[in-house]
Amino acid sequence: MLYSELTNLLPLENRKAFRREYFIRLGTVAVLVLVVVVVAQAIFLLPSYLYEREIVNSRTLELQRLSANLATTQEQEAQTKLAALQAESTYLLSVNDHPTASIVLRSVLDVPRPGITISGFIFGQPADSSSGNKKTLQLTGVAATRESLRSYDTALGALPFVSSADLPISDYAKDSQIPFTITLTGTLAP
């Protein structure tokens, strides 16, 4: 008959040393298995890491390229807006140098005009663009007599800011109640 109870003939110290060596070997094998598993996982993850790194690098380059394009586009828009603002500011600064219709008309209306009734005016640039900074003022109205029309035309031509006062000869056709159109040309800056 066999006994289920086994008798260990080793002394207690040897048994403890045996158990210690057994657990040390078991721990060493477990650590080695763990190291092998970790190294295998690292080896298997290396291609994924390299792939993701390449994607990050390509996206970074694309971002830099798009940022550069955006910067140049925004810079071009800013330059266009700046040029428009500079042109507008130049125009606004030059407005002070140009005579306004009200100032010119006030100066023309200060000229004595007995027997003359002014019914309208047109202020603007002459039709030909070769005249430079010259402006025109066209006065229309009715003169009581030829003499009053002639003296008014002469007085307008004598103004310092008027280079010419053109009155068509056909306006002298009537003796009284003469409709006229006088065109003043010059800087028109009193």
C-alpha atoms as a PDB file:
ATOM      1  CA  MET A   1       0.000   0.000   0.000  1.00  0.00           C
ATOM      2  CA  LEU A   2       1.141   3.485  -0.861  1.00  0.00           C
ATOM      3  CA  TYR A   3       0.942   6.303   1.502  1.00  0.00           C
ATOM      4  CA  SER A   4      -0.250   9.592   0.252  1.00  0.00           C
ATOM      5  CA  GLU A   5       1.884  11.338   2.711  1.00  0.00           C
ATOM      6  CA  LEU A   6       5.358  11.934   1.403  1.00  0.00           C
ATOM      7  CA  THR A   7       8.217  12.192   3.694  1.00  0.00           C
ATOM      8  CA  ASN A   8      10.833  14.782   2.986  1.00  0.00           C
ATOM      9  CA  LEU A   9      14.185  13.690   4.252  1.00  0.00           C
ATOM     10  CA  LEU A  10      15.924  16.986   3.573  1.00  0.00           C
ATOM     11  CA  PRO A  11      16.672  19.176   6.467  1.00  0.00           C
ATOM     12  CA  LEU A  12      14.570  22.283   6.958  1.00  0.00           C
ATOM     13  CA  GLU A  13      17.335  24.671   5.858  1.00  0.00           C
ATOM     14  CA  ASN A  14      17.852  22.830   2.587  1.00  0.00           C
ATOM     15  CA  ARG A  15      14.147  22.836   1.973  1.00  0.00           C
ATOM     16  CA  LYS A  16      14.036  26.609   2.494  1.00  0.00           C
ATOM     17  CA  ALA A  17      17.048  27.103   0.199  1.00  0.00           C
ATOM     18  CA  PHE A  18      15.403  24.885  -2.415  1.00  0.00           C
ATOM     19  CA  ARG A  19      12.192  26.875  -2.236  1.00  0.00           C
ATOM     20  CA  ARG A  20      14.117  30.146  -2.435  1.00  0.00           C
ATOM     21  CA  GLU A  21      16.020  28.970  -5.519  1.00  0.00           C
ATOM     22  CA  TYR A  22      12.779  27.722  -7.013  1.00  0.00           C
ATOM     23  CA  PHE A  23      11.050  31.139  -6.595  1.00  0.00           C
ATOM     24  CA  ILE A  24      14.166  32.959  -7.813  1.00  0.00           C
ATOM     25  CA  ARG A  25      14.190  30.807 -10.960  1.00  0.00           C
ATOM     26  CA  LEU A  26      10.443  31.249 -11.348  1.00  0.00           C
ATOM     27  CA  GLY A  27      10.808  35.060 -10.942  1.00  0.00           C
ATOM     28  CA  THR A  28      13.721  35.123 -13.390  1.00  0.00           C
ATOM     29  CA  VAL A  29      11.751  33.134 -15.961  1.00  0.00           C
ATOM     30  CA  ALA A  30       8.716  35.426 -15.438  1.00  0.00           C
ATOM     31  CA  VAL A  31      10.871  38.556 -15.871  1.00  0.00           C
ATOM     32  CA  LEU A  32      12.522  37.094 -18.991  1.00  0.00           C
ATOM     33  CA  VAL A  33       9.097  36.208 -20.434  1.00  0.00           C
ATOM     34  CA  LEU A  34       7.891  39.726 -19.653  1.00  0.00           C
ATOM     35  CA  VAL A  35      10.990  41.238 -21.303  1.00  0.00           C
ATOM     36  CA  VAL A  36      10.494  39.055 -24.383  1.00  0.00           C
ATOM     37  CA  VAL A  37       6.834  40.074 -24.592  1.00  0.00           C
ATOM     38  CA  VAL A  38       7.728  43.798 -24.231  1.00  0.00           C
ATOM     39  CA  VAL A  39      10.496  43.560 -26.853  1.00  0.00           C
ATOM     40  CA  ALA A  40       8.185  41.666 -29.214  1.00  0.00           C
ATOM     41  CA  GLN A  41       5.486  44.317 -28.738  1.00  0.00           C
ATOM     42  CA  ALA A  42       8.039  47.077 -29.397  1.00  0.00           C
ATOM     43  CA  ILE A  43       9.204  45.308 -32.546  1.00  0.00           C
ATOM     44  CA  PHE A  44       5.613  44.885 -33.744  1.00  0.00           C
ATOM     45  CA  LEU A  45       4.768  48.545 -32.953  1.00  0.00           C
ATOM     46  CA  LEU A  46       7.854  49.950 -34.700  1.00  0.00           C
ATOM     47  CA  PRO A  47       6.284  49.966 -38.226  1.00  0.00           C
ATOM     48  CA  SER A  48       3.150  51.698 -36.867  1.00  0.00           C
ATOM     49  CA  TYR A  49       5.296  54.287 -35.113  1.00  0.00           C
ATOM     50  CA  LEU A  50       7.336  54.953 -38.250  1.00  0.00           C
ATOM     51  CA  TYR A  51       4.148  55.258 -40.331  1.00  0.00           C
ATOM     52  CA  GLU A  52       2.529  57.717 -37.891  1.00  0.00           C
ATOM     53  CA  ARG A  53       5.763  59.702 -37.652  1.00  0.00           C
ATOM     54  CA  GLU A  54       5.853  60.029 -41.447  1.00  0.00           C
ATOM     55  CA  ILE A  55       2.220  61.223 -41.465  1.00  0.00           C
ATOM     56  CA  VAL A  56       2.994  63.819 -38.781  1.00  0.00           C
ATOM     57  CA  ASN A  57       6.028  65.046 -40.750  1.00  0.00           C
ATOM     58  CA  SER A  58       4.063  65.325 -44.005  1.00  0.00           C
ATOM     59  CA  ARG A  59       1.183  67.147 -42.285  1.00  0.00           C
ATOM     60  CA  THR A  60       3.649  69.505 -40.601  1.00  0.00           C
ATOM     61  CA  LEU A  61       5.191  70.338 -43.978  1.00  0.00           C
ATOM     62  CA  GLU A  62       1.725  70.846 -45.480  1.00  0.00           C
ATOM     63  CA  LEU A  63       0.775  73.120 -42.590  1.00  0.00           C
ATOM     64  CA  GLN A  64       3.920  75.192 -43.085  1.00  0.00           C
ATOM     65  CA  ARG A  65       3.227  75.465 -46.820  1.00  0.00           C
ATOM     66  CA  LEU A  66      -0.390  76.482 -46.253  1.00  0.00           C
ATOM     67  CA  SER A  67       0.660  78.978 -43.589  1.00  0.00           C
ATOM     68  CA  ALA A  68       3.151  80.509 -46.004  1.00  0.00           C
ATOM     69  CA  ASN A  69       0.496  80.695 -48.746  1.00  0.00           C
ATOM     70  CA  LEU A  70      -2.007  82.177 -46.336  1.00  0.00           C
ATOM     71  CA  ALA A  71       0.535  84.699 -45.126  1.00  0.00           C
ATOM     72  CA  THR A  72       1.330  85.779 -48.685  1.00  0.00           C
ATOM     73  CA  THR A  73      -2.383  85.914 -49.580  1.00  0.00           C
ATOM     74  CA  GLN A  74      -3.171  87.968 -46.499  1.00  0.00           C
ATOM     75  CA  GLU A  75      -0.133  90.115 -47.161  1.00  0.00           C
ATOM     76  CA  GLN A  76      -1.271  90.731 -50.736  1.00  0.00           C
ATOM     77  CA  GLU A  77      -4.770  91.633 -49.522  1.00  0.00           C
ATOM     78  CA  ALA A  78      -3.265  93.951 -46.938  1.00  0.00           C
ATOM     79  CA  GLN A  79      -1.058  95.578 -49.603  1.00  0.00           C
ATOM     80  CA  THR A  80      -4.087  96.043 -51.874  1.00  0.00           C
ATOM     81  CA  LYS A  81      -6.110  97.586 -49.047  1.00  0.00           C
ATOM     82  CA  LEU A  82      -3.159  99.769 -48.088  1.00  0.00           C
ATOM     83  CA  ALA A  83      -2.762 101.009 -51.662  1.00  0.00           C
ATOM     84  CA  ALA A  84      -6.479 101.795 -51.835  1.00  0.00           C
ATOM     85  CA  LEU A  85      -6.340 103.643 -48.526  1.00  0.00           C
ATOM     86  CA  GLN A  86      -3.287 105.604 -49.643  1.00  0.00           C
ATOM     87  CA  ALA A  87      -4.995 106.580 -52.893  1.00  0.00           C
ATOM     88  CA  GLU A  88      -8.096 107.613 -50.991  1.00  0.00           C
ATOM     89  CA  SER A  89      -6.086 109.610 -48.454  1.00  0.00           C
ATOM     90  CA  THR A  90      -4.189 111.337 -51.270  1.00  0.00           C
ATOM     91  CA  TYR A  91      -7.501 112.254 -52.863  1.00  0.00           C
ATOM     92  CA  LEU A  92      -8.916 113.476 -49.563  1.00  0.00           C
ATOM     93  CA  LEU A  93      -5.818 115.593 -48.928  1.00  0.00           C
ATOM     94  CA  SER A  94      -6.056 117.074 -52.416  1.00  0.00           C
ATOM     95  CA  VAL A  95      -9.715 118.018 -51.928  1.00  0.00           C
ATOM     96  CA  ASN A  96      -8.575 121.058 -49.940  1.00  0.00           C
ATOM     97  CA  ASP A  97      -6.535 122.238 -52.913  1.00  0.00           C
ATOM     98  CA  HIS A  98      -9.420 122.031 -55.377  1.00  0.00           C
ATOM     99  CA  PRO A  99     -12.027 124.721 -55.507  1.00  0.00           C
ATOM    100  CA  THR A 100     -15.542 123.775 -54.615  1.00  0.00           C
ATOM    101  CA  ALA A 101     -18.494 124.872 -56.676  1.00  0.00           C
ATOM    102  CA  SER A 102     -19.924 126.927 -53.822  1.00  0.00           C
ATOM    103  CA  ILE A 103     -16.721 128.971 -53.356  1.00  0.00           C
ATOM    104  CA  VAL A 104     -16.359 129.602 -57.092  1.00  0.00           C
ATOM    105  CA  LEU A 105     -20.019 130.456 -57.504  1.00  0.00           C
ATOM    106  CA  ARG A 106     -19.917 132.812 -54.520  1.00  0.00           C
ATOM    107  CA  SER A 107     -16.903 134.602 -56.069  1.00  0.00           C
ATOM    108  CA  VAL A 108     -18.631 134.847 -59.455  1.00  0.00           C
ATOM    109  CA  LEU A 109     -21.835 136.124 -57.880  1.00  0.00           C
ATOM    110  CA  ASP A 110     -19.849 138.880 -56.132  1.00  0.00           C
ATOM    111  CA  VAL A 111     -19.154 140.395 -59.560  1.00  0.00           C
ATOM    112  CA  PRO A 112     -21.567 143.325 -60.143  1.00  0.00           C
ATOM    113  CA  ARG A 113     -24.206 142.359 -62.700  1.00  0.00           C
ATOM    114  CA  PRO A 114     -26.760 145.092 -63.347  1.00  0.00           C
ATOM    115  CA  GLY A 115     -29.382 143.890 -65.798  1.00  0.00           C
ATOM    116  CA  ILE A 116     -28.198 140.264 -65.631  1.00  0.00           C
ATOM    117  CA  THR A 117     -30.256 137.385 -64.263  1.00  0.00           C
ATOM    118  CA  ILE A 118     -28.389 134.090 -63.742  1.00  0.00           C
ATOM    119  CA  SER A 119     -30.632 131.049 -64.017  1.00  0.00           C
ATOM    120  CA  GLY A 120     -28.192 128.136 -63.809  1.00  0.00           C
ATOM    121  CA  PHE A 121     -24.632 126.933 -63.719  1.00  0.00           C
ATOM    122  CA  ILE A 122     -22.611 123.810 -64.489  1.00  0.00           C
ATOM    123  CA  PHE A 123     -19.292 123.266 -62.706  1.00  0.00           C
ATOM    124  CA  GLY A 124     -16.771 120.596 -63.732  1.00  0.00           C
ATOM    125  CA  GLN A 125     -13.788 119.497 -65.767  1.00  0.00           C
ATOM    126  CA  PRO A 126     -13.428 120.643 -69.370  1.00  0.00           C
ATOM    127  CA  ALA A 127     -14.216 118.115 -72.083  1.00  0.00           C
ATOM    128  CA  ASP A 128     -10.584 117.795 -73.224  1.00  0.00           C
ATOM    129  CA  SER A 129      -8.328 116.128 -70.676  1.00  0.00           C
ATOM    130  CA  SER A 130      -5.237 118.027 -71.875  1.00  0.00           C
ATOM    131  CA  SER A 131      -6.145 121.115 -69.848  1.00  0.00           C
ATOM    132  CA  GLY A 132      -4.476 119.807 -66.682  1.00  0.00           C
ATOM    133  CA  ASN A 133      -5.887 121.287 -63.475  1.00  0.00           C
ATOM    134  CA  LYS A 134      -8.237 123.734 -65.194  1.00  0.00           C
ATOM    135  CA  LYS A 135     -11.924 123.689 -64.388  1.00  0.00           C
ATOM    136  CA  THR A 136     -14.956 125.109 -66.152  1.00  0.00           C
ATOM    137  CA  LEU A 137     -18.004 126.977 -64.925  1.00  0.00           C
ATOM    138  CA  GLN A 138     -20.823 127.490 -67.366  1.00  0.00           C
ATOM    139  CA  LEU A 139     -23.262 130.274 -66.448  1.00  0.00           C
ATOM    140  CA  THR A 140     -26.651 130.583 -68.118  1.00  0.00           C
ATOM    141  CA  GLY A 141     -29.088 133.395 -67.764  1.00  0.00           C
ATOM    142  CA  VAL A 142     -30.775 136.393 -69.367  1.00  0.00           C
ATOM    143  CA  ALA A 143     -29.286 139.855 -69.974  1.00  0.00           C
ATOM    144  CA  ALA A 144     -31.484 142.951 -70.222  1.00  0.00           C
ATOM    145  CA  THR A 145     -29.290 144.572 -72.936  1.00  0.00           C
ATOM    146  CA  ARG A 146     -26.250 143.862 -75.091  1.00  0.00           C
ATOM    147  CA  GLU A 147     -24.232 146.434 -73.159  1.00  0.00           C
ATOM    148  CA  SER A 148     -24.961 144.812 -69.786  1.00  0.00           C
ATOM    149  CA  LEU A 149     -24.017 141.385 -71.249  1.00  0.00           C
ATOM    150  CA  ARG A 150     -20.756 142.728 -72.704  1.00  0.00           C
ATOM    151  CA  SER A 151     -19.767 144.459 -69.450  1.00  0.00           C
ATOM    152  CA  TYR A 152     -20.605 141.336 -67.421  1.00  0.00           C
ATOM    153  CA  ASP A 153     -18.536 139.143 -69.778  1.00  0.00           C
ATOM    154  CA  THR A 154     -15.595 141.570 -69.487  1.00  0.00           C
ATOM    155  CA  ALA A 155     -15.878 141.645 -65.667  1.00  0.00           C
ATOM    156  CA  LEU A 156     -15.876 137.836 -65.492  1.00  0.00           C
ATOM    157  CA  GLY A 157     -12.862 137.628 -67.816  1.00  0.00           C
ATOM    158  CA  ALA A 158     -10.986 140.032 -65.527  1.00  0.00           C
ATOM    159  CA  LEU A 159     -11.257 137.745 -62.486  1.00  0.00           C
ATOM    160  CA  PRO A 160      -7.774 136.522 -61.427  1.00  0.00           C
ATOM    161  CA  PHE A 161      -8.759 132.852 -61.294  1.00  0.00           C
ATOM    162  CA  VAL A 162     -10.411 132.879 -64.747  1.00  0.00           C
ATOM    163  CA  SER A 163      -8.174 132.427 -67.773  1.00  0.00           C
ATOM    164  CA  SER A 164     -10.954 132.862 -70.325  1.00  0.00           C
ATOM    165  CA  ALA A 165     -14.612 133.846 -70.394  1.00  0.00           C
ATOM    166  CA  ASP A 166     -16.168 132.560 -73.626  1.00  0.00           C
ATOM    167  CA  LEU A 167     -19.418 134.116 -74.779  1.00  0.00           C
ATOM    168  CA  PRO A 168     -20.627 132.940 -78.195  1.00  0.00           C
ATOM    169  CA  ILE A 169     -21.185 135.795 -80.655  1.00  0.00           C
ATOM    170  CA  SER A 170     -24.609 134.360 -81.456  1.00  0.00           C
ATOM    171  CA  ASP A 171     -25.755 135.448 -78.004  1.00  0.00           C
ATOM    172  CA  TYR A 172     -25.620 139.090 -79.194  1.00  0.00           C
ATOM    173  CA  ALA A 173     -28.287 138.473 -81.857  1.00  0.00           C
ATOM    174  CA  LYS A 174     -31.144 139.978 -79.853  1.00  0.00           C
ATOM    175  CA  ASP A 175     -31.354 143.570 -78.599  1.00  0.00           C
ATOM    176  CA  SER A 176     -33.051 142.900 -75.274  1.00  0.00           C
ATOM    177  CA  GLN A 177     -33.831 139.980 -72.985  1.00  0.00           C
ATOM    178  CA  ILE A 178     -30.842 138.130 -74.401  1.00  0.00           C
ATOM    179  CA  PRO A 179     -30.422 134.488 -73.273  1.00  0.00           C
ATOM    180  CA  PHE A 180     -26.722 133.738 -72.835  1.00  0.00           C
ATOM    181  CA  THR A 181     -24.247 131.039 -71.868  1.00  0.00           C
ATOM    182  CA  ILE A 182     -20.811 132.133 -70.637  1.00  0.00           C
ATOM    183  CA  THR A 183     -18.137 129.460 -70.133  1.00  0.00           C
ATOM    184  CA  LEU A 184     -15.432 130.379 -67.624  1.00  0.00           C
ATOM    185  CA  THR A 185     -12.210 128.355 -67.814  1.00  0.00           C
ATOM    186  CA  GLY A 186      -9.261 128.500 -65.433  1.00  0.00           C
ATOM    187  CA  THR A 187      -8.092 127.299 -62.056  1.00  0.00           C
ATOM    188  CA  LEU A 188     -11.311 128.670 -60.540  1.00  0.00           C
ATOM    189  CA  ALA A 189      -9.574 128.825 -57.178  1.00  0.00           C
ATOM    190  CA  PRO A 190     -10.331 132.236 -55.648  1.00  0.00           C
END
